[in-house]
Amino acid sequence: MNRAERIRSAIESAIEPDSLEVTDESHLHAGHAGAQPGGETHYEVTVVSSRFSGQSRVARQRSVYALLGNEFSSGLHALSVRALTPEEVS
């Protein structure tokens, strides 16, 4: 299982999102800090879930980051998180 699949699995298991996009943006950061030749270091995640209702933007992002501690300790360098409620998407 690659990093994107592990990120997807961790978020889906804990948050049960309405929608989830996980994008590997490592190629955009080649030569920058934290970039590795094999990629899988920089990701963007957009997750939509009613579980975020009533939470601040920071609390939402923290909840996603907390799920991925193992990924950060094994080479994930940067993660951009958009965490939205269904109402914010429609």
C-alpha atoms as a PDB file:
ATOM      1  CA  MET A   1       0.000   0.000   0.000  1.00  0.00           C
ATOM      2  CA  ASN A   2       1.473   3.373  -0.966  1.00  0.00           C
ATOM      3  CA  ARG A   3       1.318   6.520   1.170  1.00  0.00           C
ATOM      4  CA  ALA A   4      -1.742   7.964  -0.586  1.00  0.00           C
ATOM      5  CA  GLU A   5      -3.647   4.740   0.074  1.00  0.00           C
ATOM      6  CA  ARG A   6      -2.590   4.742   3.728  1.00  0.00           C
ATOM      7  CA  ILE A   7      -3.656   8.384   4.124  1.00  0.00           C
ATOM      8  CA  ARG A   8      -7.007   7.596   2.491  1.00  0.00           C
ATOM      9  CA  SER A   9      -7.531   4.532   4.673  1.00  0.00           C
ATOM     10  CA  ALA A  10      -6.711   6.348   7.929  1.00  0.00           C
ATOM     11  CA  ILE A  11      -9.084   9.222   7.152  1.00  0.00           C
ATOM     12  CA  GLU A  12     -11.890   7.001   5.894  1.00  0.00           C
ATOM     13  CA  SER A  13     -11.692   4.764   8.974  1.00  0.00           C
ATOM     14  CA  ALA A  14     -11.790   7.585  11.509  1.00  0.00           C
ATOM     15  CA  ILE A  15     -13.890  10.296   9.864  1.00  0.00           C
ATOM     16  CA  GLU A  16     -16.174   8.416   7.450  1.00  0.00           C
ATOM     17  CA  PRO A  17     -16.130  11.329   4.984  1.00  0.00           C
ATOM     18  CA  ASP A  18     -18.805  12.188   2.451  1.00  0.00           C
ATOM     19  CA  SER A  19     -15.970  12.780   0.014  1.00  0.00           C
ATOM     20  CA  LEU A  20     -12.195  12.574   0.125  1.00  0.00           C
ATOM     21  CA  GLU A  21      -9.486  13.582  -2.329  1.00  0.00           C
ATOM     22  CA  VAL A  22      -5.852  12.706  -1.687  1.00  0.00           C
ATOM     23  CA  THR A  23      -3.384  14.214  -4.154  1.00  0.00           C
ATOM     24  CA  ASP A  24       0.347  13.540  -4.260  1.00  0.00           C
ATOM     25  CA  GLU A  25       1.954  16.901  -5.049  1.00  0.00           C
ATOM     26  CA  SER A  26       5.530  15.747  -4.473  1.00  0.00           C
ATOM     27  CA  HIS A  27       6.518  16.403  -8.077  1.00  0.00           C
ATOM     28  CA  LEU A  28       5.736  20.097  -7.535  1.00  0.00           C
ATOM     29  CA  HIS A  29       8.331  20.266  -4.752  1.00  0.00           C
ATOM     30  CA  ALA A  30      11.302  18.540  -6.359  1.00  0.00           C
ATOM     31  CA  GLY A  31      14.491  20.129  -5.078  1.00  0.00           C
ATOM     32  CA  HIS A  32      12.752  21.741  -2.091  1.00  0.00           C
ATOM     33  CA  ALA A  33      13.104  20.886   1.586  1.00  0.00           C
ATOM     34  CA  GLY A  34      11.790  17.472   2.467  1.00  0.00           C
ATOM     35  CA  ALA A  35      11.454  16.291  -1.131  1.00  0.00           C
ATOM     36  CA  GLN A  36      12.757  12.812  -1.820  1.00  0.00           C
ATOM     37  CA  PRO A  37      13.633  11.223  -5.183  1.00  0.00           C
ATOM     38  CA  GLY A  38      10.843   8.634  -4.793  1.00  0.00           C
ATOM     39  CA  GLY A  39       8.174  11.236  -4.052  1.00  0.00           C
ATOM     40  CA  GLU A  40       5.369  10.579  -1.567  1.00  0.00           C
ATOM     41  CA  THR A  41       6.454  13.527   0.593  1.00  0.00           C
ATOM     42  CA  HIS A  42       3.949  16.314  -0.177  1.00  0.00           C
ATOM     43  CA  TYR A  43       0.183  15.791  -0.252  1.00  0.00           C
ATOM     44  CA  GLU A  44      -3.012  17.753  -0.478  1.00  0.00           C
ATOM     45  CA  VAL A  45      -6.165  16.394   1.168  1.00  0.00           C
ATOM     46  CA  THR A  46      -9.712  17.664   0.768  1.00  0.00           C
ATOM     47  CA  VAL A  47     -12.141  15.949   3.103  1.00  0.00           C
ATOM     48  CA  VAL A  48     -15.844  16.666   3.482  1.00  0.00           C
ATOM     49  CA  SER A  49     -17.632  15.348   6.566  1.00  0.00           C
ATOM     50  CA  SER A  50     -20.547  16.308   8.765  1.00  0.00           C
ATOM     51  CA  ARG A  51     -18.272  15.425  11.706  1.00  0.00           C
ATOM     52  CA  PHE A  52     -16.590  18.806  11.187  1.00  0.00           C
ATOM     53  CA  SER A  53     -19.794  20.705  12.007  1.00  0.00           C
ATOM     54  CA  GLY A  54     -19.236  23.101  14.893  1.00  0.00           C
ATOM     55  CA  GLN A  55     -15.445  22.770  14.737  1.00  0.00           C
ATOM     56  CA  SER A  56     -13.050  25.571  13.889  1.00  0.00           C
ATOM     57  CA  ARG A  57     -10.866  25.288  10.804  1.00  0.00           C
ATOM     58  CA  VAL A  58      -7.844  24.665  13.030  1.00  0.00           C
ATOM     59  CA  ALA A  59      -9.604  21.910  15.025  1.00  0.00           C
ATOM     60  CA  ARG A  60     -10.614  20.195  11.796  1.00  0.00           C
ATOM     61  CA  GLN A  61      -7.072  20.281  10.441  1.00  0.00           C
ATOM     62  CA  ARG A  62      -5.625  19.063  13.729  1.00  0.00           C
ATOM     63  CA  SER A  63      -7.972  16.085  13.734  1.00  0.00           C
ATOM     64  CA  VAL A  64      -6.724  15.072  10.274  1.00  0.00           C
ATOM     65  CA  TYR A  65      -3.065  15.619  11.174  1.00  0.00           C
ATOM     66  CA  ALA A  66      -3.513  13.524  14.336  1.00  0.00           C
ATOM     67  CA  LEU A  67      -4.580  10.548  12.222  1.00  0.00           C
ATOM     68  CA  LEU A  68      -1.369  10.671  10.200  1.00  0.00           C
ATOM     69  CA  GLY A  69       1.356  10.770  12.821  1.00  0.00           C
ATOM     70  CA  ASN A  70       2.895   7.537  11.530  1.00  0.00           C
ATOM     71  CA  GLU A  71       3.090   8.998   8.028  1.00  0.00           C
ATOM     72  CA  PHE A  72       4.908  12.104   9.249  1.00  0.00           C
ATOM     73  CA  SER A  73       7.386   9.976  11.178  1.00  0.00           C
ATOM     74  CA  SER A  74       8.049   7.859   8.070  1.00  0.00           C
ATOM     75  CA  GLY A  75       8.747  10.554   5.486  1.00  0.00           C
ATOM     76  CA  LEU A  76       5.618  12.634   4.900  1.00  0.00           C
ATOM     77  CA  HIS A  77       6.999  16.163   4.865  1.00  0.00           C
ATOM     78  CA  ALA A  78       4.033  18.407   4.079  1.00  0.00           C
ATOM     79  CA  LEU A  79       0.261  18.050   4.125  1.00  0.00           C
ATOM     80  CA  SER A  80      -2.213  20.663   2.983  1.00  0.00           C
ATOM     81  CA  VAL A  81      -5.662  20.006   4.466  1.00  0.00           C
ATOM     82  CA  ARG A  82      -9.031  21.391   3.396  1.00  0.00           C
ATOM     83  CA  ALA A  83     -11.604  20.058   5.870  1.00  0.00           C
ATOM     84  CA  LEU A  84     -15.158  21.093   5.070  1.00  0.00           C
ATOM     85  CA  THR A  85     -18.724  20.329   6.122  1.00  0.00           C
ATOM     86  CA  PRO A  86     -21.220  19.284   3.433  1.00  0.00           C
ATOM     87  CA  GLU A  87     -22.923  22.664   3.812  1.00  0.00           C
ATOM     88  CA  GLU A  88     -19.690  24.465   2.966  1.00  0.00           C
ATOM     89  CA  VAL A  89     -19.408  22.565  -0.299  1.00  0.00           C
ATOM     90  CA  SER A  90     -22.944  23.068  -1.596  1.00  0.00           C
END
